């Protein structure tokens, strides 16, 4: 995943992008259990499992789009970084 973040970042901001990515995992590690336990308390087990299934479905739908975007961006970077041949 760090390679994906590195590919998405502009050359001058790679360090900042990676720092934000790492920090977001720390925040998620604290916030997620708090949010899911509140959902469990208020919506019950069925609500919790339904929300988790919806989140997984959403991420599964978005994953191919992210892969296409990162792959096309990497191809663009390679085209711009290789010198053009003069014929």
N, C-alpha and C. Protein backbone atom coordinates (compact mmCIF):
# COMPACT_ATOMS: atom_id res chain seq x y z
N UNK A 1 0.81 -1.18 0.00
CA UNK A 1 0.00 0.00 0.00
C UNK A 1 0.87 1.26 0.00
N UNK A 2 2.02 1.17 0.62
CA UNK A 2 2.90 2.34 0.62
C UNK A 2 3.33 2.69 -0.81
N UNK A 3 3.48 1.70 -1.65
CA UNK A 3 3.84 1.95 -3.06
C UNK A 3 2.72 2.69 -3.77
N UNK A 4 1.47 2.38 -3.45
CA UNK A 4 0.33 3.08 -4.06
C UNK A 4 0.34 4.53 -3.63
N UNK A 5 0.54 4.77 -2.35
CA UNK A 5 0.58 6.16 -1.85
C UNK A 5 1.73 6.91 -2.50
N UNK A 6 2.87 6.26 -2.64
CA UNK A 6 4.03 6.89 -3.26
C UNK A 6 3.74 7.23 -4.71
N UNK A 7 3.03 6.37 -5.42
CA UNK A 7 2.70 6.64 -6.83
C UNK A 7 1.69 7.78 -6.96
N UNK A 8 0.78 7.91 -6.01
CA UNK A 8 -0.23 8.95 -6.08
C UNK A 8 0.33 10.33 -5.74
N UNK A 9 1.40 10.36 -4.97
CA UNK A 9 1.95 11.63 -4.49
C UNK A 9 2.78 12.32 -5.56
N UNK A 10 2.68 13.65 -5.62
CA UNK A 10 3.60 14.39 -6.48
C UNK A 10 5.03 14.24 -5.95
N UNK A 11 5.99 14.38 -6.80
CA UNK A 11 7.39 14.17 -6.42
C UNK A 11 7.81 15.04 -5.23
N UNK A 12 7.30 16.25 -5.16
CA UNK A 12 7.73 17.17 -4.09
C UNK A 12 7.01 16.93 -2.77
N UNK A 13 6.01 16.03 -2.74
CA UNK A 13 5.22 15.85 -1.52
C UNK A 13 5.13 14.40 -1.06
N UNK A 14 6.02 13.55 -1.53
CA UNK A 14 5.94 12.13 -1.18
C UNK A 14 6.03 11.90 0.33
N UNK A 15 6.91 12.60 1.00
CA UNK A 15 7.07 12.46 2.45
C UNK A 15 5.80 12.84 3.19
N UNK A 16 5.19 13.94 2.79
CA UNK A 16 3.95 14.38 3.44
C UNK A 16 2.82 13.37 3.22
N UNK A 17 2.70 12.87 2.00
CA UNK A 17 1.65 11.89 1.69
C UNK A 17 1.83 10.63 2.54
N UNK A 18 3.07 10.15 2.64
CA UNK A 18 3.32 8.95 3.42
C UNK A 18 3.09 9.20 4.92
N UNK A 19 3.41 10.38 5.40
CA UNK A 19 3.17 10.72 6.81
C UNK A 19 1.68 10.76 7.11
N UNK A 20 0.90 11.37 6.23
CA UNK A 20 -0.55 11.43 6.44
C UNK A 20 -1.15 10.03 6.38
N UNK A 21 -0.66 9.21 5.45
CA UNK A 21 -1.15 7.84 5.35
C UNK A 21 -0.87 7.07 6.64
N UNK A 22 0.33 7.16 7.15
CA UNK A 22 0.67 6.47 8.39
C UNK A 22 -0.13 6.97 9.57
N UNK A 23 -0.31 8.27 9.66
CA UNK A 23 -1.09 8.86 10.75
C UNK A 23 -2.55 8.44 10.67
N UNK A 24 -3.07 8.33 9.47
CA UNK A 24 -4.48 7.94 9.32
C UNK A 24 -4.72 6.53 9.85
N UNK A 25 -3.73 5.64 9.74
CA UNK A 25 -3.88 4.31 10.32
C UNK A 25 -3.94 4.38 11.84
N UNK A 26 -3.18 5.26 12.45
CA UNK A 26 -3.22 5.43 13.89
C UNK A 26 -4.57 5.96 14.36
N UNK A 27 -5.08 6.94 13.64
CA UNK A 27 -6.40 7.50 13.99
C UNK A 27 -7.48 6.45 13.81
N UNK A 28 -7.41 5.69 12.71
CA UNK A 28 -8.40 4.64 12.46
C UNK A 28 -8.35 3.56 13.54
N UNK A 29 -7.15 3.27 14.02
CA UNK A 29 -7.01 2.26 15.07
C UNK A 29 -7.67 2.65 16.37
N UNK A 30 -7.82 3.94 16.59
CA UNK A 30 -8.49 4.42 17.80
C UNK A 30 -9.98 4.66 17.54
N UNK A 31 -10.32 5.29 16.43
CA UNK A 31 -11.69 5.68 16.16
C UNK A 31 -12.60 4.50 15.79
N UNK A 32 -12.08 3.54 15.05
CA UNK A 32 -12.92 2.45 14.57
C UNK A 32 -13.55 1.64 15.70
N UNK A 33 -12.79 1.17 16.68
CA UNK A 33 -13.45 0.42 17.76
C UNK A 33 -14.51 1.25 18.50
N UNK A 34 -14.25 2.53 18.66
CA UNK A 34 -15.23 3.39 19.33
C UNK A 34 -16.52 3.49 18.51
N UNK A 35 -16.38 3.70 17.21
CA UNK A 35 -17.55 3.84 16.35
C UNK A 35 -18.33 2.54 16.23
N UNK A 36 -17.61 1.43 16.03
CA UNK A 36 -18.31 0.15 15.85
C UNK A 36 -18.99 -0.30 17.13
N UNK A 37 -18.41 -0.03 18.31
CA UNK A 37 -19.09 -0.42 19.55
C UNK A 37 -20.33 0.44 19.78
N UNK A 38 -20.27 1.71 19.39
CA UNK A 38 -21.48 2.55 19.48
C UNK A 38 -22.57 2.04 18.54
N UNK A 39 -22.17 1.64 17.34
CA UNK A 39 -23.13 1.09 16.39
C UNK A 39 -23.72 -0.21 16.94
N UNK A 40 -22.90 -1.04 17.54
CA UNK A 40 -23.38 -2.29 18.13
C UNK A 40 -24.38 -2.01 19.25
N UNK A 41 -24.09 -1.02 20.06
CA UNK A 41 -24.98 -0.68 21.18
C UNK A 41 -26.32 -0.15 20.68
N UNK A 42 -26.30 0.70 19.65
CA UNK A 42 -27.53 1.36 19.21
C UNK A 42 -28.29 0.58 18.14
N UNK A 43 -27.61 -0.15 17.28
CA UNK A 43 -28.29 -0.85 16.18
C UNK A 43 -28.33 -2.36 16.40
N UNK A 44 -27.58 -2.87 17.36
CA UNK A 44 -27.58 -4.30 17.62
C UNK A 44 -26.66 -5.05 16.67
N UNK A 45 -26.55 -6.35 16.89
CA UNK A 45 -25.66 -7.16 16.05
C UNK A 45 -26.04 -7.14 14.56
N UNK A 46 -27.33 -7.16 14.26
CA UNK A 46 -27.75 -7.15 12.85
C UNK A 46 -27.34 -5.84 12.17
N UNK A 47 -27.48 -4.73 12.86
CA UNK A 47 -27.07 -3.44 12.30
C UNK A 47 -25.57 -3.36 12.10
N UNK A 48 -24.81 -3.90 13.07
CA UNK A 48 -23.35 -3.90 12.96
C UNK A 48 -22.90 -4.74 11.77
N UNK A 49 -23.42 -5.96 11.66
CA UNK A 49 -23.01 -6.84 10.55
C UNK A 49 -23.47 -6.28 9.21
N UNK A 50 -24.63 -5.65 9.17
CA UNK A 50 -25.10 -5.04 7.92
C UNK A 50 -24.20 -3.88 7.50
N UNK A 51 -23.80 -3.06 8.46
CA UNK A 51 -22.91 -1.94 8.16
C UNK A 51 -21.54 -2.45 7.71
N UNK A 52 -21.05 -3.50 8.33
CA UNK A 52 -19.76 -4.06 7.93
C UNK A 52 -19.84 -4.67 6.53
N UNK A 53 -20.94 -5.35 6.23
CA UNK A 53 -21.12 -5.92 4.89
C UNK A 53 -21.20 -4.82 3.84
N UNK A 54 -21.90 -3.74 4.16
CA UNK A 54 -22.00 -2.61 3.24
C UNK A 54 -20.63 -1.96 3.01
N UNK A 55 -19.87 -1.79 4.08
CA UNK A 55 -18.52 -1.21 3.95
C UNK A 55 -17.63 -2.10 3.08
N UNK A 56 -17.69 -3.41 3.30
CA UNK A 56 -16.88 -4.34 2.48
C UNK A 56 -17.31 -4.30 1.02
N UNK A 57 -18.60 -4.26 0.77
CA UNK A 57 -19.11 -4.20 -0.60
C UNK A 57 -18.66 -2.91 -1.28
N UNK A 58 -18.75 -1.80 -0.58
CA UNK A 58 -18.32 -0.52 -1.12
C UNK A 58 -16.83 -0.53 -1.46
N UNK A 59 -16.02 -1.06 -0.57
CA UNK A 59 -14.58 -1.14 -0.82
C UNK A 59 -14.26 -2.08 -1.97
N UNK A 60 -15.01 -3.18 -2.10
CA UNK A 60 -14.79 -4.11 -3.21
C UNK A 60 -15.14 -3.47 -4.54
N UNK A 61 -16.13 -2.60 -4.56
CA UNK A 61 -16.52 -1.91 -5.79
C UNK A 61 -15.49 -0.84 -6.15
N UNK A 62 -14.95 -0.14 -5.16
CA UNK A 62 -14.01 0.94 -5.41
C UNK A 62 -12.59 0.46 -5.72
N UNK A 63 -12.23 -0.74 -5.28
CA UNK A 63 -10.86 -1.25 -5.46
C UNK A 63 -10.43 -1.28 -6.93
N UNK A 64 -11.21 -1.84 -7.86
CA UNK A 64 -10.77 -1.85 -9.26
C UNK A 64 -10.55 -0.45 -9.83
N UNK A 65 -11.38 0.50 -9.43
CA UNK A 65 -11.21 1.88 -9.91
C UNK A 65 -9.89 2.46 -9.40
N UNK A 66 -9.55 2.19 -8.15
CA UNK A 66 -8.28 2.67 -7.60
C UNK A 66 -7.10 2.04 -8.33
N UNK A 67 -7.19 0.75 -8.60
CA UNK A 67 -6.11 0.06 -9.30
C UNK A 67 -5.93 0.65 -10.70
N UNK A 68 -7.04 0.88 -11.42
CA UNK A 68 -6.94 1.48 -12.75
C UNK A 68 -6.33 2.87 -12.69
N UNK A 69 -6.72 3.66 -11.71
CA UNK A 69 -6.21 5.02 -11.58
C UNK A 69 -4.71 5.02 -11.30
N UNK A 70 -4.29 4.20 -10.34
CA UNK A 70 -2.88 4.15 -9.98
C UNK A 70 -2.04 3.61 -11.13
N UNK A 71 -2.56 2.59 -11.81
CA UNK A 71 -1.82 2.02 -12.94
C UNK A 71 -1.69 3.03 -14.07
N UNK A 72 -2.76 3.73 -14.39
CA UNK A 72 -2.68 4.71 -15.48
C UNK A 72 -1.79 5.88 -15.09
N UNK A 73 -1.81 6.26 -13.84
CA UNK A 73 -0.94 7.35 -13.37
C UNK A 73 0.52 6.93 -13.46
N UNK A 74 0.82 5.69 -13.11
CA UNK A 74 2.19 5.20 -13.21
C UNK A 74 2.66 5.14 -14.65
N UNK A 75 1.76 4.76 -15.56
CA UNK A 75 2.10 4.74 -16.99
C UNK A 75 2.38 6.15 -17.49
N UNK A 76 1.59 7.12 -17.05
CA UNK A 76 1.81 8.51 -17.45
C UNK A 76 3.15 9.02 -16.93
N UNK A 77 3.48 8.66 -15.68
CA UNK A 77 4.76 9.09 -15.11
C UNK A 77 5.93 8.51 -15.89
N UNK A 78 5.83 7.25 -16.30
CA UNK A 78 6.90 6.64 -17.07
C UNK A 78 7.05 7.28 -18.44
N UNK A 79 5.94 7.62 -19.08
CA UNK A 79 6.00 8.27 -20.39
C UNK A 79 6.65 9.63 -20.29
N UNK A 80 6.37 10.37 -19.22
CA UNK A 80 6.93 11.70 -19.08
C UNK A 80 8.39 11.67 -18.62
N UNK A 81 8.80 10.57 -17.97
CA UNK A 81 10.16 10.53 -17.45
C UNK A 81 11.16 9.96 -18.47
N UNK A 82 10.68 9.24 -19.50
CA UNK A 82 11.59 8.69 -20.49
C UNK A 82 11.74 9.68 -21.63
N UNK A 83 12.97 9.92 -22.07
CA UNK A 83 13.17 10.88 -23.15
C UNK A 83 12.60 10.34 -24.46
N UNK A 84 12.06 11.25 -25.23
CA UNK A 84 11.48 10.87 -26.53
C UNK A 84 12.61 10.65 -27.53
N UNK A 85 12.42 9.68 -28.39
CA UNK A 85 13.42 9.42 -29.44
C UNK A 85 13.13 10.31 -30.63
N UNK A 86 14.18 10.84 -31.16
CA UNK A 86 14.04 11.65 -32.38
C UNK A 86 14.28 10.74 -33.58
N UNK A 87 13.39 10.80 -34.56
CA UNK A 87 13.58 9.96 -35.73
C UNK A 87 13.99 10.76 -36.91
